[in-house]
Amino acid sequence: MTLRDTLVGLGYAIAYRAALLFFSLSKLPVAGRLFEAPVAARRFTVVTVPMNAKLRETSAILPFDMIRQLVDSAAYVAIADNCVCREAHNCKDYPASPGCVYLGDGARSIKYRTRQATKQEALEWLERARSLGLVTNVVWSSVEFEAIGANPSRTVEICSCCPCCCLMFKTRDASKAYLDNILGFGTARVTSADSCTRCTNCEAACPFKAIKVDMHEGPAVDMTRCKGCGRCVDACRAGVLKVFPDEDPAAITDTCDHSTPNARDLVERFLGMVK
């Protein structure tokens, strides 16, 4: 590793710690208002793709098929061998590899620890990440892209995130403004509260703090925070949680402020950026 790589890596680690502190402070009155400014400017957007959750049949394109579309349409593909977040946090639960995948001509100018890859390699990379329990997030961040030398108008990033280290999932103490910039394709629902064992695994697994387990009533999902990532489904011993696509009328409530068309429309825009 060169001196430049070492210094850049140190810079990422410092920025990572600063971001975690910022998220923790974002709920406070003054800090929260400061946080709203970059959020309102739409400097970043995230689409969470459900992990091994079984979605009910729908006419919409299934989420990981959209990932394949993005990769297949990309004019250029680059891979980071290791995840910067897991490296910075020295993650004990998940390996540092695989790292992020960068798509589009704008990624050609990235200078930091990436290598060109084939589309097939990128898809296998992402499938491996999902098999490890990492959650796929499609990320667009002008701040990050400018920092690593990418062209924000021609670049999209696909991150494989763990709930313990990755910044996209460090949302338990973040302001709702941050959560509102993360779009999902569905929401989790309880299919049988009586069958719930009250183990609280789902509550601990949720990176968005969207589930509370009452010892008498069972689990309840906050639709305004749930992004349908599916971690609760994998964690549920009794199998009483399922992710339903938001376009399913049975899955939509008046309190749900994100929808499948929003997420899909965003991915369509991403397709135009990476071609």
C-alpha atoms as a PDB file:
ATOM      1  CA  MET A   1       0.000   0.000   0.000  1.00  0.00           C
ATOM      2  CA  THR A   2       1.337   3.416  -0.935  1.00  0.00           C
ATOM      3  CA  LEU A   3       1.657   6.375   1.423  1.00  0.00           C
ATOM      4  CA  ARG A   4      -1.176   8.065  -0.460  1.00  0.00           C
ATOM      5  CA  ASP A   5      -3.484   5.082   0.129  1.00  0.00           C
ATOM      6  CA  THR A   6      -2.566   5.068   3.814  1.00  0.00           C
ATOM      7  CA  LEU A   7      -3.351   8.770   4.184  1.00  0.00           C
ATOM      8  CA  VAL A   8      -6.627   8.463   2.272  1.00  0.00           C
ATOM      9  CA  GLY A   9      -7.584   5.464   4.419  1.00  0.00           C
ATOM     10  CA  LEU A  10      -6.864   7.480   7.559  1.00  0.00           C
ATOM     11  CA  GLY A  11      -8.999  10.289   6.182  1.00  0.00           C
ATOM     12  CA  TYR A  12     -11.887   7.882   5.590  1.00  0.00           C
ATOM     13  CA  ALA A  13     -11.586   6.537   9.138  1.00  0.00           C
ATOM     14  CA  ILE A  14     -11.730  10.062  10.595  1.00  0.00           C
ATOM     15  CA  ALA A  15     -14.686  10.984   8.372  1.00  0.00           C
ATOM     16  CA  TYR A  16     -16.444   7.776   9.392  1.00  0.00           C
ATOM     17  CA  ARG A  17     -16.143   8.568  13.105  1.00  0.00           C
ATOM     18  CA  ALA A  18     -17.265  12.134  12.499  1.00  0.00           C
ATOM     19  CA  ALA A  19     -20.343  10.914  10.607  1.00  0.00           C
ATOM     20  CA  LEU A  20     -21.317   8.576  13.464  1.00  0.00           C
ATOM     21  CA  LEU A  21     -21.075  11.458  15.919  1.00  0.00           C
ATOM     22  CA  PHE A  22     -23.115  13.655  13.575  1.00  0.00           C
ATOM     23  CA  PHE A  23     -25.896  11.042  13.377  1.00  0.00           C
ATOM     24  CA  SER A  24     -26.000  10.801  17.169  1.00  0.00           C
ATOM     25  CA  LEU A  25     -26.260  14.585  17.472  1.00  0.00           C
ATOM     26  CA  SER A  26     -28.806  14.981  14.667  1.00  0.00           C
ATOM     27  CA  LYS A  27     -31.746  14.539  17.017  1.00  0.00           C
ATOM     28  CA  LEU A  28     -30.726  17.480  19.183  1.00  0.00           C
ATOM     29  CA  PRO A  29     -32.508  20.785  18.407  1.00  0.00           C
ATOM     30  CA  VAL A  30     -29.539  22.836  17.152  1.00  0.00           C
ATOM     31  CA  ALA A  31     -27.530  20.020  15.565  1.00  0.00           C
ATOM     32  CA  GLY A  32     -30.702  18.654  14.032  1.00  0.00           C
ATOM     33  CA  ARG A  33     -31.368  21.907  12.194  1.00  0.00           C
ATOM     34  CA  LEU A  34     -27.801  21.924  10.900  1.00  0.00           C
ATOM     35  CA  PHE A  35     -28.303  18.372   9.686  1.00  0.00           C
ATOM     36  CA  GLU A  36     -31.454  19.289   7.783  1.00  0.00           C
ATOM     37  CA  ALA A  37     -29.549  21.586   5.368  1.00  0.00           C
ATOM     38  CA  PRO A  38     -27.516  18.953   3.476  1.00  0.00           C
ATOM     39  CA  VAL A  39     -30.462  16.552   3.628  1.00  0.00           C
ATOM     40  CA  ALA A  40     -32.832  19.114   2.129  1.00  0.00           C
ATOM     41  CA  ALA A  41     -30.320  19.745  -0.633  1.00  0.00           C
ATOM     42  CA  ARG A  42     -30.684  16.081  -1.664  1.00  0.00           C
ATOM     43  CA  ARG A  43     -26.947  15.472  -1.579  1.00  0.00           C
ATOM     44  CA  PHE A  44     -27.471  11.766  -1.118  1.00  0.00           C
ATOM     45  CA  THR A  45     -30.109   9.121  -1.781  1.00  0.00           C
ATOM     46  CA  VAL A  46     -30.289   5.443  -0.833  1.00  0.00           C
ATOM     47  CA  VAL A  47     -32.485   2.605  -2.080  1.00  0.00           C
ATOM     48  CA  THR A  48     -32.510  -0.488   0.140  1.00  0.00           C
ATOM     49  CA  VAL A  49     -32.969  -3.809  -1.649  1.00  0.00           C
ATOM     50  CA  PRO A  50     -34.580  -6.594   0.411  1.00  0.00           C
ATOM     51  CA  MET A  51     -32.212  -9.407   1.348  1.00  0.00           C
ATOM     52  CA  ASN A  52     -33.391 -13.013   1.389  1.00  0.00           C
ATOM     53  CA  ALA A  53     -36.989 -11.993   2.084  1.00  0.00           C
ATOM     54  CA  LYS A  54     -39.658 -13.680  -0.039  1.00  0.00           C
ATOM     55  CA  LEU A  55     -41.817 -11.010  -1.637  1.00  0.00           C
ATOM     56  CA  ARG A  56     -45.305 -11.955  -2.684  1.00  0.00           C
ATOM     57  CA  GLU A  57     -45.857 -12.086  -6.415  1.00  0.00           C
ATOM     58  CA  THR A  58     -46.075  -8.673  -7.990  1.00  0.00           C
ATOM     59  CA  SER A  59     -46.118  -7.166 -11.458  1.00  0.00           C
ATOM     60  CA  ALA A  60     -43.181  -4.968 -10.488  1.00  0.00           C
ATOM     61  CA  ILE A  61     -39.636  -6.011 -11.335  1.00  0.00           C
ATOM     62  CA  LEU A  62     -38.233  -7.833  -8.301  1.00  0.00           C
ATOM     63  CA  PRO A  63     -35.573  -5.763  -6.539  1.00  0.00           C
ATOM     64  CA  PHE A  64     -32.440  -7.794  -7.241  1.00  0.00           C
ATOM     65  CA  ASP A  65     -33.464  -7.973 -10.887  1.00  0.00           C
ATOM     66  CA  MET A  66     -33.094  -4.190 -10.826  1.00  0.00           C
ATOM     67  CA  ILE A  67     -29.550  -4.597  -9.543  1.00  0.00           C
ATOM     68  CA  ARG A  68     -28.801  -6.902 -12.475  1.00  0.00           C
ATOM     69  CA  GLN A  69     -30.294  -4.300 -14.794  1.00  0.00           C
ATOM     70  CA  LEU A  70     -28.033  -1.615 -13.396  1.00  0.00           C
ATOM     71  CA  VAL A  71     -24.924  -3.769 -13.734  1.00  0.00           C
ATOM     72  CA  ASP A  72     -25.843  -5.015 -17.218  1.00  0.00           C
ATOM     73  CA  SER A  73     -26.492  -1.449 -18.412  1.00  0.00           C
ATOM     74  CA  ALA A  74     -23.312   0.057 -16.969  1.00  0.00           C
ATOM     75  CA  ALA A  75     -20.765   1.501 -19.376  1.00  0.00           C
ATOM     76  CA  TYR A  76     -18.048   0.841 -16.794  1.00  0.00           C
ATOM     77  CA  VAL A  77     -17.794  -1.315 -13.657  1.00  0.00           C
ATOM     78  CA  ALA A  78     -15.327  -0.947 -10.774  1.00  0.00           C
ATOM     79  CA  ILE A  79     -15.010  -2.907  -7.539  1.00  0.00           C
ATOM     80  CA  ALA A  80     -13.538  -2.009  -4.169  1.00  0.00           C
ATOM     81  CA  ASP A  81     -12.066  -5.166  -2.681  1.00  0.00           C
ATOM     82  CA  ASN A  82     -12.798  -4.096   0.897  1.00  0.00           C
ATOM     83  CA  CYS A  83     -15.583  -2.121   2.563  1.00  0.00           C
ATOM     84  CA  VAL A  84     -14.280   1.176   3.933  1.00  0.00           C
ATOM     85  CA  CYS A  85     -16.849   1.199   6.756  1.00  0.00           C
ATOM     86  CA  ARG A  86     -16.055  -2.310   8.001  1.00  0.00           C
ATOM     87  CA  GLU A  87     -12.344  -1.582   7.788  1.00  0.00           C
ATOM     88  CA  ALA A  88     -12.706   1.687   9.704  1.00  0.00           C
ATOM     89  CA  HIS A  89     -14.813   0.001  12.389  1.00  0.00           C
ATOM     90  CA  ASN A  90     -12.672  -3.156  12.448  1.00  0.00           C
ATOM     91  CA  CYS A  91     -15.848  -5.227  12.052  1.00  0.00           C
ATOM     92  CA  LYS A  92     -15.901  -8.454  14.039  1.00  0.00           C
ATOM     93  CA  ASP A  93     -19.108  -9.905  12.594  1.00  0.00           C
ATOM     94  CA  TYR A  94     -18.585  -9.591   8.829  1.00  0.00           C
ATOM     95  CA  PRO A  95     -15.509  -9.756   6.578  1.00  0.00           C
ATOM     96  CA  ALA A  96     -14.120  -6.551   5.081  1.00  0.00           C
ATOM     97  CA  SER A  97     -14.540  -8.073   1.621  1.00  0.00           C
ATOM     98  CA  PRO A  98     -16.622  -7.710  -0.493  1.00  0.00           C
ATOM     99  CA  GLY A  99     -16.600  -3.953  -0.837  1.00  0.00           C
ATOM    100  CA  CYS A 100     -18.701  -1.600  -2.960  1.00  0.00           C
ATOM    101  CA  VAL A 101     -19.412  -1.769  -6.686  1.00  0.00           C
ATOM    102  CA  TYR A 102     -19.274   1.455  -8.725  1.00  0.00           C
ATOM    103  CA  LEU A 103     -21.165   1.765 -11.998  1.00  0.00           C
ATOM    104  CA  GLY A 104     -21.058   4.238 -14.873  1.00  0.00           C
ATOM    105  CA  ASP A 105     -18.501   6.220 -16.849  1.00  0.00           C
ATOM    106  CA  GLY A 106     -18.084   8.569 -13.905  1.00  0.00           C
ATOM    107  CA  ALA A 107     -16.399   5.770 -11.950  1.00  0.00           C
ATOM    108  CA  ARG A 108     -13.453   5.622 -14.354  1.00  0.00           C
ATOM    109  CA  SER A 109     -11.799   8.518 -12.527  1.00  0.00           C
ATOM    110  CA  ILE A 110     -11.979   6.983  -9.032  1.00  0.00           C
ATOM    111  CA  LYS A 111      -8.448   6.963  -7.642  1.00  0.00           C
ATOM    112  CA  TYR A 112      -8.936   5.160  -4.344  1.00  0.00           C
ATOM    113  CA  ARG A 113      -8.597   1.352  -4.040  1.00  0.00           C
ATOM    114  CA  THR A 114     -10.837   0.231  -6.860  1.00  0.00           C
ATOM    115  CA  ARG A 115     -10.234  -1.958  -9.879  1.00  0.00           C
ATOM    116  CA  GLN A 116     -12.090  -2.472 -13.112  1.00  0.00           C
ATOM    117  CA  ALA A 117     -14.275  -5.586 -13.163  1.00  0.00           C
ATOM    118  CA  THR A 118     -16.472  -7.467 -15.594  1.00  0.00           C
ATOM    119  CA  LYS A 119     -20.232  -7.333 -15.202  1.00  0.00           C
ATOM    120  CA  GLN A 120     -20.330 -11.035 -14.380  1.00  0.00           C
ATOM    121  CA  GLU A 121     -17.718 -10.568 -11.665  1.00  0.00           C
ATOM    122  CA  ALA A 122     -19.721  -7.698 -10.182  1.00  0.00           C
ATOM    123  CA  LEU A 123     -22.910  -9.766 -10.060  1.00  0.00           C
ATOM    124  CA  GLU A 124     -21.106 -12.695  -8.443  1.00  0.00           C
ATOM    125  CA  TRP A 125     -19.546 -10.216  -5.997  1.00  0.00           C
ATOM    126  CA  LEU A 126     -22.978  -8.919  -4.980  1.00  0.00           C
ATOM    127  CA  GLU A 127     -24.474 -12.405  -4.721  1.00  0.00           C
ATOM    128  CA  ARG A 128     -21.622 -13.429  -2.423  1.00  0.00           C
ATOM    129  CA  ALA A 129     -22.274 -10.387  -0.246  1.00  0.00           C
ATOM    130  CA  ARG A 130     -25.946 -11.283   0.078  1.00  0.00           C
ATOM    131  CA  SER A 131     -25.065 -14.868   0.990  1.00  0.00           C
ATOM    132  CA  LEU A 132     -23.042 -13.457   3.910  1.00  0.00           C
ATOM    133  CA  GLY A 133     -26.107 -11.611   5.207  1.00  0.00           C
ATOM    134  CA  LEU A 134     -25.084  -8.181   3.950  1.00  0.00           C
ATOM    135  CA  VAL A 135     -27.883  -5.935   2.701  1.00  0.00           C
ATOM    136  CA  THR A 136     -27.715  -4.386  -0.770  1.00  0.00           C
ATOM    137  CA  ASN A 137     -28.105  -0.611  -0.915  1.00  0.00           C
ATOM    138  CA  VAL A 138     -28.027   1.459  -4.099  1.00  0.00           C
ATOM    139  CA  VAL A 139     -26.379   4.719  -3.117  1.00  0.00           C
ATOM    140  CA  TRP A 140     -25.960   8.079  -4.799  1.00  0.00           C
ATOM    141  CA  SER A 141     -23.917  10.613  -2.823  1.00  0.00           C
ATOM    142  CA  SER A 142     -22.437  13.647  -4.519  1.00  0.00           C
ATOM    143  CA  VAL A 143     -20.289  14.362  -1.442  1.00  0.00           C
ATOM    144  CA  GLU A 144     -18.707  10.906  -1.431  1.00  0.00           C
ATOM    145  CA  PHE A 145     -18.268  10.738  -5.208  1.00  0.00           C
ATOM    146  CA  GLU A 146     -16.546  14.112  -5.358  1.00  0.00           C
ATOM    147  CA  ALA A 147     -14.261  13.051  -2.497  1.00  0.00           C
ATOM    148  CA  ILE A 148     -13.075   9.893  -4.289  1.00  0.00           C
ATOM    149  CA  GLY A 149     -12.770  11.519  -7.706  1.00  0.00           C
ATOM    150  CA  ALA A 150     -15.913  10.166  -9.371  1.00  0.00           C
ATOM    151  CA  ASN A 151     -18.310  12.200 -11.531  1.00  0.00           C
ATOM    152  CA  PRO A 152     -21.557  12.339  -9.479  1.00  0.00           C
ATOM    153  CA  SER A 153     -23.733  12.808 -12.558  1.00  0.00           C
ATOM    154  CA  ARG A 154     -22.430   9.595 -14.137  1.00  0.00           C
ATOM    155  CA  THR A 155     -21.844   7.307 -11.142  1.00  0.00           C
ATOM    156  CA  VAL A 156     -23.966   5.011  -8.970  1.00  0.00           C
ATOM    157  CA  GLU A 157     -22.678   2.929  -6.068  1.00  0.00           C
ATOM    158  CA  ILE A 158     -23.962  -0.455  -4.908  1.00  0.00           C
ATOM    159  CA  CYS A 159     -23.006  -1.071  -1.288  1.00  0.00           C
ATOM    160  CA  SER A 160     -23.162  -4.361   0.622  1.00  0.00           C
ATOM    161  CA  CYS A 161     -23.894  -3.156   4.132  1.00  0.00           C
ATOM    162  CA  CYS A 162     -23.708  -4.698   7.566  1.00  0.00           C
ATOM    163  CA  PRO A 163     -25.932  -3.254  10.330  1.00  0.00           C
ATOM    164  CA  CYS A 164     -23.086  -2.815  12.795  1.00  0.00           C
ATOM    165  CA  CYS A 165     -20.599  -0.707  10.822  1.00  0.00           C
ATOM    166  CA  CYS A 166     -21.910   0.648   7.520  1.00  0.00           C
ATOM    167  CA  LEU A 167     -22.903   4.301   7.529  1.00  0.00           C
ATOM    168  CA  MET A 168     -26.027   3.699   5.438  1.00  0.00           C
ATOM    169  CA  PHE A 169     -27.386   1.581   8.286  1.00  0.00           C
ATOM    170  CA  LYS A 170     -26.204   3.663  11.254  1.00  0.00           C
ATOM    171  CA  THR A 171     -29.713   5.063  11.555  1.00  0.00           C
ATOM    172  CA  ARG A 172     -30.894   4.012  14.999  1.00  0.00           C
ATOM    173  CA  ASP A 173     -30.099   7.429  16.458  1.00  0.00           C
ATOM    174  CA  ALA A 174     -30.314   9.477  13.272  1.00  0.00           C
ATOM    175  CA  SER A 175     -32.936  12.103  12.568  1.00  0.00           C
ATOM    176  CA  LYS A 176     -36.013  11.208  10.563  1.00  0.00           C
ATOM    177  CA  ALA A 177     -34.738  13.495   7.799  1.00  0.00           C
ATOM    178  CA  TYR A 178     -31.930  11.009   7.218  1.00  0.00           C
ATOM    179  CA  LEU A 179     -34.369   8.084   7.181  1.00  0.00           C
ATOM    180  CA  ASP A 180     -36.588   9.830   4.654  1.00  0.00           C
ATOM    181  CA  ASN A 181     -33.718   9.778   2.167  1.00  0.00           C
ATOM    182  CA  ILE A 182     -33.645   5.974   2.291  1.00  0.00           C
ATOM    183  CA  LEU A 183     -36.267   4.424   0.026  1.00  0.00           C
ATOM    184  CA  GLY A 184     -37.517   0.864   0.216  1.00  0.00           C
ATOM    185  CA  PHE A 185     -39.508  -1.456  -2.003  1.00  0.00           C
ATOM    186  CA  GLY A 186     -41.721  -2.747   0.776  1.00  0.00           C
ATOM    187  CA  THR A 187     -42.455  -2.929   4.470  1.00  0.00           C
ATOM    188  CA  ALA A 188     -42.382  -5.722   7.019  1.00  0.00           C
ATOM    189  CA  ARG A 189     -45.645  -6.953   8.483  1.00  0.00           C
ATOM    190  CA  VAL A 190     -46.570  -9.304  11.284  1.00  0.00           C
ATOM    191  CA  THR A 191     -48.506 -12.281   9.915  1.00  0.00           C
ATOM    192  CA  SER A 192     -49.339 -13.932  13.242  1.00  0.00           C
ATOM    193  CA  ALA A 193     -48.718 -12.116  16.529  1.00  0.00           C
ATOM    194  CA  ASP A 194     -49.955 -15.149  18.500  1.00  0.00           C
ATOM    195  CA  SER A 195     -47.139 -17.299  17.072  1.00  0.00           C
ATOM    196  CA  CYS A 196     -44.438 -14.781  18.078  1.00  0.00           C
ATOM    197  CA  THR A 197     -42.101 -16.159  20.777  1.00  0.00           C
ATOM    198  CA  ARG A 198     -41.186 -12.635  22.022  1.00  0.00           C
ATOM    199  CA  CYS A 199     -37.484 -13.412  21.515  1.00  0.00           C
ATOM    200  CA  THR A 200     -36.910  -9.767  20.360  1.00  0.00           C
ATOM    201  CA  ASN A 201     -34.424 -10.908  17.702  1.00  0.00           C
ATOM    202  CA  CYS A 202     -36.266  -8.818  15.128  1.00  0.00           C
ATOM    203  CA  GLU A 203     -36.017  -5.693  17.260  1.00  0.00           C
ATOM    204  CA  ALA A 204     -32.278  -6.161  17.675  1.00  0.00           C
ATOM    205  CA  ALA A 205     -31.762  -6.948  13.967  1.00  0.00           C
ATOM    206  CA  CYS A 206     -33.620  -3.931  12.560  1.00  0.00           C
ATOM    207  CA  PRO A 207     -31.125  -1.227  11.473  1.00  0.00           C
ATOM    208  CA  PHE A 208     -33.903   1.377  11.260  1.00  0.00           C
ATOM    209  CA  LYS A 209     -35.344   0.926  14.763  1.00  0.00           C
ATOM    210  CA  ALA A 210     -38.691   0.177  13.142  1.00  0.00           C
ATOM    211  CA  ILE A 211     -39.799  -2.774  15.314  1.00  0.00           C
ATOM    212  CA  LYS A 212     -40.837  -2.873  18.953  1.00  0.00           C
ATOM    213  CA  VAL A 213     -41.762  -6.130  20.674  1.00  0.00           C
ATOM    214  CA  ASP A 214     -44.351  -5.916  23.435  1.00  0.00           C
ATOM    215  CA  MET A 215     -44.340  -8.947  25.718  1.00  0.00           C
ATOM    216  CA  HIS A 216     -48.144  -9.052  25.646  1.00  0.00           C
ATOM    217  CA  GLU A 217     -49.059  -7.779  22.180  1.00  0.00           C
ATOM    218  CA  GLY A 218     -46.074  -9.052  20.219  1.00  0.00           C
ATOM    219  CA  PRO A 219     -44.117  -7.157  17.528  1.00  0.00           C
ATOM    220  CA  ALA A 220     -45.299  -3.898  15.977  1.00  0.00           C
ATOM    221  CA  VAL A 221     -43.750  -2.348  12.867  1.00  0.00           C
ATOM    222  CA  ASP A 222     -43.443   1.428  12.470  1.00  0.00           C
ATOM    223  CA  MET A 223     -44.253   1.885   8.778  1.00  0.00           C
ATOM    224  CA  THR A 224     -42.678   5.350   8.709  1.00  0.00           C
ATOM    225  CA  ARG A 225     -39.263   3.877   9.587  1.00  0.00           C
ATOM    226  CA  CYS A 226     -39.375   0.417   7.962  1.00  0.00           C
ATOM    227  CA  LYS A 227     -37.582   0.151   4.607  1.00  0.00           C
ATOM    228  CA  GLY A 228     -38.287  -3.518   3.931  1.00  0.00           C
ATOM    229  CA  CYS A 229     -34.642  -4.622   4.104  1.00  0.00           C
ATOM    230  CA  GLY A 230     -35.676  -8.067   5.392  1.00  0.00           C
ATOM    231  CA  ARG A 231     -33.235  -8.433   8.281  1.00  0.00           C
ATOM    232  CA  CYS A 232     -36.123  -8.972  10.687  1.00  0.00           C
ATOM    233  CA  VAL A 233     -37.464 -11.775   8.497  1.00  0.00           C
ATOM    234  CA  ASP A 234     -34.147 -13.602   8.671  1.00  0.00           C
ATOM    235  CA  ALA A 235     -33.897 -13.042  12.431  1.00  0.00           C
ATOM    236  CA  CYS A 236     -37.444 -14.177  13.290  1.00  0.00           C
ATOM    237  CA  ARG A 237     -37.385 -17.658  14.852  1.00  0.00           C
ATOM    238  CA  ALA A 238     -41.117 -18.208  14.495  1.00  0.00           C
ATOM    239  CA  GLY A 239     -41.390 -16.914  10.935  1.00  0.00           C
ATOM    240  CA  VAL A 240     -44.147 -14.432  11.750  1.00  0.00           C
ATOM    241  CA  LEU A 241     -42.617 -11.502   9.833  1.00  0.00           C
ATOM    242  CA  LYS A 242     -42.738 -11.077   6.067  1.00  0.00           C
ATOM    243  CA  VAL A 243     -41.858  -8.238   3.682  1.00  0.00           C
ATOM    244  CA  PHE A 244     -44.667  -7.117   1.408  1.00  0.00           C
ATOM    245  CA  PRO A 245     -44.119  -4.862  -1.612  1.00  0.00           C
ATOM    246  CA  ASP A 246     -45.566  -1.404  -1.141  1.00  0.00           C
ATOM    247  CA  GLU A 247     -47.558  -1.648  -4.344  1.00  0.00           C
ATOM    248  CA  ASP A 248     -49.617  -4.386  -2.673  1.00  0.00           C
ATOM    249  CA  PRO A 249     -52.723  -2.560  -1.348  1.00  0.00           C
ATOM    250  CA  ALA A 250     -52.695  -4.792   1.736  1.00  0.00           C
ATOM    251  CA  ALA A 251     -49.238  -3.531   2.633  1.00  0.00           C
ATOM    252  CA  ILE A 252     -49.896   0.210   2.354  1.00  0.00           C
ATOM    253  CA  THR A 253     -51.029   2.285   5.315  1.00  0.00           C
ATOM    254  CA  ASP A 254     -51.742   5.970   5.704  1.00  0.00           C
ATOM    255  CA  THR A 255     -48.578   6.314   7.795  1.00  0.00           C
ATOM    256  CA  CYS A 256     -46.256   4.890   5.152  1.00  0.00           C
ATOM    257  CA  ASP A 257     -44.411   7.750   3.461  1.00  0.00           C
ATOM    258  CA  HIS A 258     -42.338   5.765   0.961  1.00  0.00           C
ATOM    259  CA  SER A 259     -43.648   3.724  -1.931  1.00  0.00           C
ATOM    260  CA  THR A 260     -42.566   1.234  -4.549  1.00  0.00           C
ATOM    261  CA  PRO A 261     -43.042   3.659  -7.491  1.00  0.00           C
ATOM    262  CA  ASN A 262     -40.692   6.162  -5.828  1.00  0.00           C
ATOM    263  CA  ALA A 263     -37.991   3.542  -5.409  1.00  0.00           C
ATOM    264  CA  ARG A 264     -38.490   2.154  -8.903  1.00  0.00           C
ATOM    265  CA  ASP A 265     -38.499   5.607 -10.494  1.00  0.00           C
ATOM    266  CA  LEU A 266     -35.247   6.356  -8.731  1.00  0.00           C
ATOM    267  CA  VAL A 267     -33.673   3.175 -10.072  1.00  0.00           C
ATOM    268  CA  GLU A 268     -34.853   4.183 -13.561  1.00  0.00           C
ATOM    269  CA  ARG A 269     -32.965   7.452 -13.144  1.00  0.00           C
ATOM    270  CA  PHE A 270     -29.930   5.517 -11.978  1.00  0.00           C
ATOM    271  CA  LEU A 271     -30.116   3.426 -15.156  1.00  0.00           C
ATOM    272  CA  GLY A 272     -29.835   6.586 -17.214  1.00  0.00           C
ATOM    273  CA  MET A 273     -26.784   7.679 -15.228  1.00  0.00           C
ATOM    274  CA  VAL A 274     -24.750   4.481 -15.617  1.00  0.00           C
ATOM    275  CA  LYS A 275     -25.307   3.848 -19.338  1.00  0.00           C
END
